[in-house]
PDB file of N, CA and C in Angstrom:
ATOM      1  N   UNK A   1       3.134 -20.416 -31.060  1.00  0.00           N
ATOM      2  CA  UNK A   1       4.213 -20.320 -32.018  1.00  0.00           C
ATOM      3  C   UNK A   1       5.513 -20.740 -31.320  1.00  0.00           C
ATOM      4  N   UNK A   2       6.281 -21.593 -31.991  1.00  0.00           N
ATOM      5  CA  UNK A   2       7.543 -22.051 -31.434  1.00  0.00           C
ATOM      6  C   UNK A   2       8.682 -21.706 -32.371  1.00  0.00           C
ATOM      7  N   UNK A   3       9.852 -21.442 -31.791  1.00  0.00           N
ATOM      8  CA  UNK A   3      11.037 -21.169 -32.584  1.00  0.00           C
ATOM      9  C   UNK A   3      11.726 -22.471 -32.959  1.00  0.00           C
ATOM     10  N   UNK A   4      12.347 -22.497 -34.074  1.00  0.00           N
ATOM     11  CA  UNK A   4      13.027 -23.707 -34.529  1.00  0.00           C
ATOM     12  C   UNK A   4      14.159 -24.117 -33.605  1.00  0.00           C
ATOM     13  N   UNK A   5      14.686 -23.159 -32.851  1.00  0.00           N
ATOM     14  CA  UNK A   5      15.788 -23.430 -31.934  1.00  0.00           C
ATOM     15  C   UNK A   5      15.313 -23.910 -30.570  1.00  0.00           C
ATOM     16  N   UNK A   6      14.007 -23.959 -30.349  1.00  0.00           N
ATOM     17  CA  UNK A   6      13.478 -24.397 -29.065  1.00  0.00           C
ATOM     18  C   UNK A   6      12.929 -23.274 -28.214  1.00  0.00           C
ATOM     19  N   UNK A   7      13.022 -22.051 -28.703  1.00  0.00           N
ATOM     20  CA  UNK A   7      12.443 -20.924 -27.965  1.00  0.00           C
ATOM     21  C   UNK A   7      10.921 -20.958 -28.110  1.00  0.00           C
ATOM     22  N   UNK A   8      10.235 -20.637 -27.034  1.00  0.00           N
ATOM     23  CA  UNK A   8       8.777 -20.526 -27.092  1.00  0.00           C
ATOM     24  C   UNK A   8       8.448 -19.067 -27.360  1.00  0.00           C
ATOM     25  N   UNK A   9       7.969 -18.782 -28.537  1.00  0.00           N
ATOM     26  CA  UNK A   9       7.731 -17.406 -28.980  1.00  0.00           C
ATOM     27  C   UNK A   9       6.648 -16.688 -28.178  1.00  0.00           C
ATOM     28  N   UNK A  10       5.803 -17.438 -27.504  1.00  0.00           N
ATOM     29  CA  UNK A  10       4.730 -16.837 -26.720  1.00  0.00           C
ATOM     30  C   UNK A  10       5.211 -15.950 -25.589  1.00  0.00           C
ATOM     31  N   UNK A  11       6.464 -16.139 -25.159  1.00  0.00           N
ATOM     32  CA  UNK A  11       6.998 -15.311 -24.078  1.00  0.00           C
ATOM     33  C   UNK A  11       8.125 -14.392 -24.555  1.00  0.00           C
ATOM     34  N   UNK A  12       8.343 -14.345 -25.858  1.00  0.00           N
ATOM     35  CA  UNK A  12       9.425 -13.516 -26.392  1.00  0.00           C
ATOM     36  C   UNK A  12       9.018 -12.046 -26.407  1.00  0.00           C
ATOM     37  N   UNK A  13       9.848 -11.206 -25.803  1.00  0.00           N
ATOM     38  CA  UNK A  13       9.549  -9.775 -25.755  1.00  0.00           C
ATOM     39  C   UNK A  13       9.583  -9.131 -27.140  1.00  0.00           C
ATOM     40  N   UNK A  14      10.307  -9.715 -28.077  1.00  0.00           N
ATOM     41  CA  UNK A  14      10.446  -9.127 -29.403  1.00  0.00           C
ATOM     42  C   UNK A  14       9.303  -9.475 -30.341  1.00  0.00           C
ATOM     43  N   UNK A  15       8.524 -10.476 -30.001  1.00  0.00           N
ATOM     44  CA  UNK A  15       7.411 -10.892 -30.863  1.00  0.00           C
ATOM     45  C   UNK A  15       6.469  -9.722 -31.128  1.00  0.00           C
ATOM     46  N   UNK A  16       6.051  -9.059 -30.078  1.00  0.00           N
ATOM     47  CA  UNK A  16       5.134  -7.917 -30.217  1.00  0.00           C
ATOM     48  C   UNK A  16       5.858  -6.672 -30.711  1.00  0.00           C
ATOM     49  N   UNK A  17       7.054  -6.416 -30.154  1.00  0.00           N
ATOM     50  CA  UNK A  17       7.788  -5.198 -30.498  1.00  0.00           C
ATOM     51  C   UNK A  17       8.115  -5.104 -31.986  1.00  0.00           C
ATOM     52  N   UNK A  18       8.402  -6.241 -32.608  1.00  0.00           N
ATOM     53  CA  UNK A  18       8.831  -6.237 -34.008  1.00  0.00           C
ATOM     54  C   UNK A  18       7.813  -6.870 -34.948  1.00  0.00           C
ATOM     55  N   UNK A  19       6.669  -7.274 -34.380  1.00  0.00           N
ATOM     56  CA  UNK A  19       5.634  -7.953 -35.169  1.00  0.00           C
ATOM     57  C   UNK A  19       6.209  -9.186 -35.880  1.00  0.00           C
ATOM     58  N   UNK A  20       7.021  -9.934 -35.137  1.00  0.00           N
ATOM     59  CA  UNK A  20       7.697 -11.113 -35.684  1.00  0.00           C
ATOM     60  C   UNK A  20       6.681 -12.203 -36.008  1.00  0.00           C
ATOM     61  N   UNK A  21       6.709 -12.732 -37.230  1.00  0.00           N
ATOM     62  CA  UNK A  21       5.768 -13.781 -37.618  1.00  0.00           C
ATOM     63  C   UNK A  21       6.238 -15.191 -37.260  1.00  0.00           C
ATOM     64  N   UNK A  22       7.463 -15.306 -36.757  1.00  0.00           N
ATOM     65  CA  UNK A  22       8.025 -16.623 -36.446  1.00  0.00           C
ATOM     66  C   UNK A  22       9.024 -17.066 -37.498  1.00  0.00           C
ATOM     67  N   UNK A  23       9.849 -18.021 -37.134  1.00  0.00           N
ATOM     68  CA  UNK A  23      10.952 -18.477 -37.993  1.00  0.00           C
ATOM     69  C   UNK A  23      10.507 -18.945 -39.369  1.00  0.00           C
ATOM     70  N   UNK A  24       9.476 -19.758 -39.410  1.00  0.00           N
ATOM     71  CA  UNK A  24       9.056 -20.312 -40.695  1.00  0.00           C
ATOM     72  C   UNK A  24       8.459 -19.245 -41.601  1.00  0.00           C
ATOM     73  N   UNK A  25       7.614 -18.409 -41.039  1.00  0.00           N
ATOM     74  CA  UNK A  25       6.952 -17.392 -41.858  1.00  0.00           C
ATOM     75  C   UNK A  25       7.906 -16.309 -42.353  1.00  0.00           C
ATOM     76  N   UNK A  26       8.968 -16.040 -41.598  1.00  0.00           N
ATOM     77  CA  UNK A  26       9.917 -15.020 -42.064  1.00  0.00           C
ATOM     78  C   UNK A  26      11.071 -15.658 -42.842  1.00  0.00           C
ATOM     79  N   UNK A  27      10.948 -16.963 -43.111  1.00  0.00           N
ATOM     80  CA  UNK A  27      11.926 -17.696 -43.920  1.00  0.00           C
ATOM     81  C   UNK A  27      13.347 -17.555 -43.385  1.00  0.00           C
ATOM     82  N   UNK A  28      13.502 -17.713 -42.085  1.00  0.00           N
ATOM     83  CA  UNK A  28      14.779 -17.683 -41.357  1.00  0.00           C
ATOM     84  C   UNK A  28      15.446 -16.312 -41.328  1.00  0.00           C
ATOM     85  N   UNK A  29      14.666 -15.247 -41.606  1.00  0.00           N
ATOM     86  CA  UNK A  29      15.227 -13.899 -41.579  1.00  0.00           C
ATOM     87  C   UNK A  29      14.414 -13.020 -40.635  1.00  0.00           C
ATOM     88  N   UNK A  30      14.599 -13.204 -39.319  1.00  0.00           N
ATOM     89  CA  UNK A  30      13.877 -12.369 -38.356  1.00  0.00           C
ATOM     90  C   UNK A  30      14.391 -10.931 -38.400  1.00  0.00           C
ATOM     91  N   UNK A  31      13.855 -10.102 -37.554  1.00  0.00           N
ATOM     92  CA  UNK A  31      14.187  -8.674 -37.556  1.00  0.00           C
ATOM     93  C   UNK A  31      15.673  -8.400 -37.400  1.00  0.00           C
ATOM     94  N   UNK A  32      16.424  -9.290 -36.784  1.00  0.00           N
ATOM     95  CA  UNK A  32      17.841  -9.035 -36.508  1.00  0.00           C
ATOM     96  C   UNK A  32      18.787  -9.575 -37.576  1.00  0.00           C
ATOM     97  N   UNK A  33      18.290 -10.241 -38.603  1.00  0.00           N
ATOM     98  CA  UNK A  33      19.138 -10.774 -39.667  1.00  0.00           C
ATOM     99  C   UNK A  33      18.855 -12.239 -39.911  1.00  0.00           C
ATOM    100  N   UNK A  34      19.681 -12.891 -40.725  1.00  0.00           N
ATOM    101  CA  UNK A  34      19.435 -14.302 -41.022  1.00  0.00           C
ATOM    102  C   UNK A  34      19.821 -15.187 -39.838  1.00  0.00           C
ATOM    103  N   UNK A  35      18.980 -16.135 -39.529  1.00  0.00           N
ATOM    104  CA  UNK A  35      19.222 -17.085 -38.444  1.00  0.00           C
ATOM    105  C   UNK A  35      19.705 -18.396 -39.055  1.00  0.00           C
ATOM    106  N   UNK A  36      20.953 -18.758 -38.782  1.00  0.00           N
ATOM    107  CA  UNK A  36      21.514 -19.976 -39.368  1.00  0.00           C
ATOM    108  C   UNK A  36      20.835 -21.232 -38.827  1.00  0.00           C
ATOM    109  N   UNK A  37      20.341 -21.184 -37.593  1.00  0.00           N
ATOM    110  CA  UNK A  37      19.638 -22.330 -37.012  1.00  0.00           C
ATOM    111  C   UNK A  37      18.321 -22.559 -37.751  1.00  0.00           C
ATOM    112  N   UNK A  38      17.548 -21.501 -37.915  1.00  0.00           N
ATOM    113  CA  UNK A  38      16.268 -21.615 -38.620  1.00  0.00           C
ATOM    114  C   UNK A  38      16.482 -22.013 -40.076  1.00  0.00           C
ATOM    115  N   UNK A  39      17.481 -21.427 -40.721  1.00  0.00           N
ATOM    116  CA  UNK A  39      17.759 -21.754 -42.124  1.00  0.00           C
ATOM    117  C   UNK A  39      18.078 -23.235 -42.274  1.00  0.00           C
ATOM    118  N   UNK A  40      18.898 -23.766 -41.387  1.00  0.00           N
ATOM    119  CA  UNK A  40      19.257 -25.184 -41.435  1.00  0.00           C
ATOM    120  C   UNK A  40      18.014 -26.062 -41.286  1.00  0.00           C
ATOM    121  N   UNK A  41      17.171 -25.724 -40.324  1.00  0.00           N
ATOM    122  CA  UNK A  41      15.957 -26.503 -40.076  1.00  0.00           C
ATOM    123  C   UNK A  41      15.009 -26.454 -41.282  1.00  0.00           C
ATOM    124  N   UNK A  42      14.844 -25.281 -41.852  1.00  0.00           N
ATOM    125  CA  UNK A  42      13.990 -25.121 -43.034  1.00  0.00           C
ATOM    126  C   UNK A  42      14.561 -25.914 -44.207  1.00  0.00           C
ATOM    127  N   UNK A  43      15.884 -25.797 -44.419  1.00  0.00           N
ATOM    128  CA  UNK A  43      16.525 -26.511 -45.527  1.00  0.00           C
ATOM    129  C   UNK A  43      16.351 -28.025 -45.406  1.00  0.00           C
ATOM    130  N   UNK A  44      16.297 -28.526 -44.175  1.00  0.00           N
ATOM    131  CA  UNK A  44      16.126 -29.965 -43.947  1.00  0.00           C
ATOM    132  C   UNK A  44      14.658 -30.382 -43.925  1.00  0.00           C
ATOM    133  N   UNK A  45      13.757 -29.400 -44.000  1.00  0.00           N
ATOM    134  CA  UNK A  45      12.329 -29.696 -44.034  1.00  0.00           C
ATOM    135  C   UNK A  45      11.701 -29.942 -42.674  1.00  0.00           C
ATOM    136  N   UNK A  46      12.361 -29.483 -41.605  1.00  0.00           N
ATOM    137  CA  UNK A  46      11.834 -29.665 -40.251  1.00  0.00           C
ATOM    138  C   UNK A  46      11.099 -28.414 -39.794  1.00  0.00           C
ATOM    139  N   UNK A  47      10.093 -28.585 -38.922  1.00  0.00           N
ATOM    140  CA  UNK A  47       9.439 -27.400 -38.362  1.00  0.00           C
ATOM    141  C   UNK A  47      10.150 -26.926 -37.103  1.00  0.00           C
ATOM    142  N   UNK A  48      11.090 -27.712 -36.579  1.00  0.00           N
ATOM    143  CA  UNK A  48      12.009 -27.289 -35.516  1.00  0.00           C
ATOM    144  C   UNK A  48      13.151 -28.290 -35.431  1.00  0.00           C
ATOM    145  N   UNK A  49      14.214 -27.935 -34.742  1.00  0.00           N
ATOM    146  CA  UNK A  49      15.425 -28.749 -34.684  1.00  0.00           C
ATOM    147  C   UNK A  49      15.259 -30.047 -33.897  1.00  0.00           C
ATOM    148  N   UNK A  50      14.198 -30.191 -33.155  1.00  0.00           N
ATOM    149  CA  UNK A  50      13.979 -31.400 -32.377  1.00  0.00           C
ATOM    150  C   UNK A  50      13.843 -32.646 -33.226  1.00  0.00           C
ATOM    151  N   UNK A  51      13.538 -32.486 -34.499  1.00  0.00           N
ATOM    152  CA  UNK A  51      13.386 -33.633 -35.395  1.00  0.00           C
ATOM    153  C   UNK A  51      14.703 -34.066 -36.041  1.00  0.00           C
ATOM    154  N   UNK A  52      15.741 -33.297 -35.842  1.00  0.00           N
ATOM    155  CA  UNK A  52      17.023 -33.567 -36.499  1.00  0.00           C
ATOM    156  C   UNK A  52      17.815 -34.645 -35.748  1.00  0.00           C
ATOM    157  N   UNK A  53      18.408 -35.554 -36.482  1.00  0.00           N
ATOM    158  CA  UNK A  53      19.201 -36.628 -35.870  1.00  0.00           C
ATOM    159  C   UNK A  53      20.520 -36.121 -35.305  1.00  0.00           C
ATOM    160  N   UNK A  54      20.894 -34.894 -35.620  1.00  0.00           N
ATOM    161  CA  UNK A  54      22.144 -34.313 -35.123  1.00  0.00           C
ATOM    162  C   UNK A  54      21.944 -33.463 -33.866  1.00  0.00           C
ATOM    163  N   UNK A  55      20.772 -33.521 -33.277  1.00  0.00           N
ATOM    164  CA  UNK A  55      20.457 -32.726 -32.081  1.00  0.00           C
ATOM    165  C   UNK A  55      21.265 -33.224 -30.891  1.00  0.00           C
ATOM    166  N   UNK A  56      21.929 -32.344 -30.164  1.00  0.00           N
ATOM    167  CA  UNK A  56      22.193 -30.938 -30.477  1.00  0.00           C
ATOM    168  C   UNK A  56      23.461 -30.804 -31.316  1.00  0.00           C
ATOM    169  N   UNK A  57      23.365 -30.100 -32.396  1.00  0.00           N
ATOM    170  CA  UNK A  57      24.513 -29.886 -33.276  1.00  0.00           C
ATOM    171  C   UNK A  57      25.390 -28.764 -32.712  1.00  0.00           C
ATOM    172  N   UNK A  58      26.526 -28.568 -33.354  1.00  0.00           N
ATOM    173  CA  UNK A  58      27.463 -27.535 -32.906  1.00  0.00           C
ATOM    174  C   UNK A  58      26.826 -26.145 -32.973  1.00  0.00           C
ATOM    175  N   UNK A  59      26.040 -25.900 -34.014  1.00  0.00           N
ATOM    176  CA  UNK A  59      25.382 -24.599 -34.190  1.00  0.00           C
ATOM    177  C   UNK A  59      24.441 -24.309 -33.019  1.00  0.00           C
ATOM    178  N   UNK A  60      23.652 -25.314 -32.624  1.00  0.00           N
ATOM    179  CA  UNK A  60      22.739 -25.137 -31.491  1.00  0.00           C
ATOM    180  C   UNK A  60      23.506 -25.004 -30.187  1.00  0.00           C
ATOM    181  N   UNK A  61      24.559 -25.795 -30.012  1.00  0.00           N
ATOM    182  CA  UNK A  61      25.354 -25.707 -28.780  1.00  0.00           C
ATOM    183  C   UNK A  61      25.905 -24.302 -28.601  1.00  0.00           C
ATOM    184  N   UNK A  62      26.365 -23.700 -29.698  1.00  0.00           N
ATOM    185  CA  UNK A  62      26.870 -22.326 -29.632  1.00  0.00           C
ATOM    186  C   UNK A  62      25.767 -21.373 -29.180  1.00  0.00           C
ATOM    187  N   UNK A  63      24.569 -21.559 -29.695  1.00  0.00           N
ATOM    188  CA  UNK A  63      23.442 -20.703 -29.299  1.00  0.00           C
ATOM    189  C   UNK A  63      23.071 -20.941 -27.840  1.00  0.00           C
ATOM    190  N   UNK A  64      23.043 -22.197 -27.426  1.00  0.00           N
ATOM    191  CA  UNK A  64      22.668 -22.524 -26.048  1.00  0.00           C
ATOM    192  C   UNK A  64      23.679 -21.977 -25.046  1.00  0.00           C
ATOM    193  N   UNK A  65      24.954 -21.930 -25.428  1.00  0.00           N
ATOM    194  CA  UNK A  65      26.015 -21.497 -24.520  1.00  0.00           C
ATOM    195  C   UNK A  65      26.365 -20.024 -24.660  1.00  0.00           C
ATOM    196  N   UNK A  66      25.695 -19.307 -25.548  1.00  0.00           N
ATOM    197  CA  UNK A  66      25.958 -17.894 -25.773  1.00  0.00           C
ATOM    198  C   UNK A  66      25.725 -17.108 -24.488  1.00  0.00           C
ATOM    199  N   UNK A  67      26.686 -16.264 -24.122  1.00  0.00           N
ATOM    200  CA  UNK A  67      26.614 -15.510 -22.866  1.00  0.00           C
ATOM    201  C   UNK A  67      25.361 -14.642 -22.770  1.00  0.00           C
ATOM    202  N   UNK A  68      24.973 -14.014 -23.888  1.00  0.00           N
ATOM    203  CA  UNK A  68      23.808 -13.128 -23.869  1.00  0.00           C
ATOM    204  C   UNK A  68      22.492 -13.883 -24.051  1.00  0.00           C
ATOM    205  N   UNK A  69      22.486 -14.903 -24.905  1.00  0.00           N
ATOM    206  CA  UNK A  69      21.234 -15.570 -25.255  1.00  0.00           C
ATOM    207  C   UNK A  69      21.152 -17.026 -24.815  1.00  0.00           C
ATOM    208  N   UNK A  70      22.191 -17.519 -24.136  1.00  0.00           N
ATOM    209  CA  UNK A  70      22.172 -18.900 -23.656  1.00  0.00           C
ATOM    210  C   UNK A  70      21.060 -19.097 -22.642  1.00  0.00           C
ATOM    211  N   UNK A  71      20.684 -20.357 -22.392  1.00  0.00           N
ATOM    212  CA  UNK A  71      19.451 -20.577 -21.634  1.00  0.00           C
ATOM    213  C   UNK A  71      19.472 -21.749 -20.657  1.00  0.00           C
ATOM    214  N   UNK A  72      20.657 -22.209 -20.271  1.00  0.00           N
ATOM    215  CA  UNK A  72      20.747 -23.300 -19.296  1.00  0.00           C
ATOM    216  C   UNK A  72      20.076 -24.583 -19.757  1.00  0.00           C
ATOM    217  N   UNK A  73      19.965 -24.799 -21.049  1.00  0.00           N
ATOM    218  CA  UNK A  73      19.418 -26.043 -21.587  1.00  0.00           C
ATOM    219  C   UNK A  73      17.920 -26.079 -21.797  1.00  0.00           C
ATOM    220  N   UNK A  74      17.205 -24.992 -21.506  1.00  0.00           N
ATOM    221  CA  UNK A  74      15.750 -25.001 -21.659  1.00  0.00           C
ATOM    222  C   UNK A  74      15.303 -25.257 -23.097  1.00  0.00           C
ATOM    223  N   UNK A  75      15.991 -24.656 -24.061  1.00  0.00           N
ATOM    224  CA  UNK A  75      15.587 -24.860 -25.459  1.00  0.00           C
ATOM    225  C   UNK A  75      15.790 -26.312 -25.888  1.00  0.00           C
ATOM    226  N   UNK A  76      16.864 -26.931 -25.432  1.00  0.00           N
ATOM    227  CA  UNK A  76      17.103 -28.335 -25.764  1.00  0.00           C
ATOM    228  C   UNK A  76      15.996 -29.213 -25.183  1.00  0.00           C
ATOM    229  N   UNK A  77      15.591 -28.934 -23.964  1.00  0.00           N
ATOM    230  CA  UNK A  77      14.484 -29.680 -23.342  1.00  0.00           C
ATOM    231  C   UNK A  77      13.203 -29.470 -24.140  1.00  0.00           C
ATOM    232  N   UNK A  78      12.922 -28.215 -24.512  1.00  0.00           N
ATOM    233  CA  UNK A  78      11.734 -27.933 -25.331  1.00  0.00           C
ATOM    234  C   UNK A  78      11.769 -28.744 -26.626  1.00  0.00           C
ATOM    235  N   UNK A  79      12.898 -28.723 -27.322  1.00  0.00           N
ATOM    236  CA  UNK A  79      13.005 -29.425 -28.603  1.00  0.00           C
ATOM    237  C   UNK A  79      12.751 -30.920 -28.449  1.00  0.00           C
ATOM    238  N   UNK A  80      13.335 -31.515 -27.429  1.00  0.00           N
ATOM    239  CA  UNK A  80      13.134 -32.952 -27.199  1.00  0.00           C
ATOM    240  C   UNK A  80      11.675 -33.244 -26.867  1.00  0.00           C
ATOM    241  N   UNK A  81      11.070 -32.396 -26.041  1.00  0.00           N
ATOM    242  CA  UNK A  81       9.650 -32.577 -25.704  1.00  0.00           C
ATOM    243  C   UNK A  81       8.769 -32.444 -26.936  1.00  0.00           C
ATOM    244  N   UNK A  82       8.999 -31.418 -27.740  1.00  0.00           N
ATOM    245  CA  UNK A  82       8.185 -31.183 -28.930  1.00  0.00           C
ATOM    246  C   UNK A  82       8.333 -32.330 -29.927  1.00  0.00           C
ATOM    247  N   UNK A  83       9.553 -32.855 -30.075  1.00  0.00           N
ATOM    248  CA  UNK A  83       9.780 -33.965 -31.001  1.00  0.00           C
ATOM    249  C   UNK A  83       9.023 -35.216 -30.559  1.00  0.00           C
ATOM    250  N   UNK A  84       8.800 -35.335 -29.244  1.00  0.00           N
ATOM    251  CA  UNK A  84       8.066 -36.476 -28.690  1.00  0.00           C
ATOM    252  C   UNK A  84       6.575 -36.197 -28.534  1.00  0.00           C
ATOM    253  N   UNK A  85       6.104 -35.073 -29.094  1.00  0.00           N
ATOM    254  CA  UNK A  85       4.682 -34.757 -29.073  1.00  0.00           C
ATOM    255  C   UNK A  85       4.184 -34.115 -27.794  1.00  0.00           C
ATOM    256  N   UNK A  86       5.088 -33.738 -26.899  1.00  0.00           N
ATOM    257  CA  UNK A  86       4.680 -33.085 -25.650  1.00  0.00           C
ATOM    258  C   UNK A  86       4.617 -31.582 -25.877  1.00  0.00           C
ATOM    259  N   UNK A  87       3.476 -31.009 -25.616  1.00  0.00           N
ATOM    260  CA  UNK A  87       3.312 -29.572 -25.816  1.00  0.00           C
ATOM    261  C   UNK A  87       3.637 -28.830 -24.528  1.00  0.00           C
ATOM    262  N   UNK A  88       4.895 -28.896 -24.144  1.00  0.00           N
ATOM    263  CA  UNK A  88       5.354 -28.189 -22.954  1.00  0.00           C
ATOM    264  C   UNK A  88       6.307 -27.091 -23.389  1.00  0.00           C
ATOM    265  N   UNK A  89       6.306 -26.011 -22.654  1.00  0.00           N
ATOM    266  CA  UNK A  89       7.120 -24.862 -23.016  1.00  0.00           C
ATOM    267  C   UNK A  89       7.798 -24.317 -21.773  1.00  0.00           C
ATOM    268  N   UNK A  90       9.111 -24.404 -21.741  1.00  0.00           N
ATOM    269  CA  UNK A  90       9.844 -23.800 -20.647  1.00  0.00           C
ATOM    270  C   UNK A  90      10.116 -22.350 -21.003  1.00  0.00           C
ATOM    271  N   UNK A  91       9.842 -21.464 -20.065  1.00  0.00           N
ATOM    272  CA  UNK A  91      10.191 -20.063 -20.276  1.00  0.00           C
ATOM    273  C   UNK A  91      11.702 -19.967 -20.147  1.00  0.00           C
ATOM    274  N   UNK A  92      12.341 -19.381 -21.122  1.00  0.00           N
ATOM    275  CA  UNK A  92      13.787 -19.362 -21.161  1.00  0.00           C
ATOM    276  C   UNK A  92      14.373 -18.335 -20.209  1.00  0.00           C
ATOM    277  N   UNK A  93      15.409 -18.775 -19.522  1.00  0.00           N
ATOM    278  CA  UNK A  93      16.209 -17.878 -18.695  1.00  0.00           C
ATOM    279  C   UNK A  93      17.565 -17.775 -19.358  1.00  0.00           C
ATOM    280  N   UNK A  94      18.114 -16.607 -19.429  1.00  0.00           N
ATOM    281  CA  UNK A  94      19.438 -16.484 -20.027  1.00  0.00           C
ATOM    282  C   UNK A  94      20.479 -16.857 -18.991  1.00  0.00           C
ATOM    283  N   UNK A  95      21.680 -17.139 -19.463  1.00  0.00           N
ATOM    284  CA  UNK A  95      22.768 -17.472 -18.555  1.00  0.00           C
ATOM    285  C   UNK A  95      23.023 -16.324 -17.593  1.00  0.00           C
ATOM    286  N   UNK A  96      22.855 -15.084 -18.066  1.00  0.00           N
ATOM    287  CA  UNK A  96      23.055 -13.918 -17.200  1.00  0.00           C
ATOM    288  C   UNK A  96      22.049 -13.891 -16.057  1.00  0.00           C
ATOM    289  N   UNK A  97      20.812 -14.302 -16.310  1.00  0.00           N
ATOM    290  CA  UNK A  97      19.790 -14.311 -15.265  1.00  0.00           C
ATOM    291  C   UNK A  97      20.062 -15.386 -14.230  1.00  0.00           C
ATOM    292  N   UNK A  98      20.713 -16.455 -14.631  1.00  0.00           N
ATOM    293  CA  UNK A  98      20.952 -17.579 -13.730  1.00  0.00           C
ATOM    294  C   UNK A  98      22.094 -17.309 -12.763  1.00  0.00           C
ATOM    295  N   UNK A  99      22.915 -16.320 -13.048  1.00  0.00           N
ATOM    296  CA  UNK A  99      24.082 -16.019 -12.196  1.00  0.00           C
ATOM    297  C   UNK A  99      23.672 -15.330 -10.925  1.00  0.00           C
TER     298      UNK A  99
END
């Protein structure tokens, strides 16, 4: 299972804790509220943001650079790989972990 933002759900600690079905199955409304990234991707008919011609958009850049949830570009790499048919998954590190 992959997140529309480039997160690999297989390593997400919240997947099991909240029984998260993934972005598409929860219709962009995960346990924490509506996800504007997932909603945008669903509205455009994409299964993830890697297919969008605006990659990386301002919305994704904000998520990638977020102090708590930012990831040093791993999600962007995942999205580009997935869009090119490569089934590679980088385990995300937050910006806090990289310091």
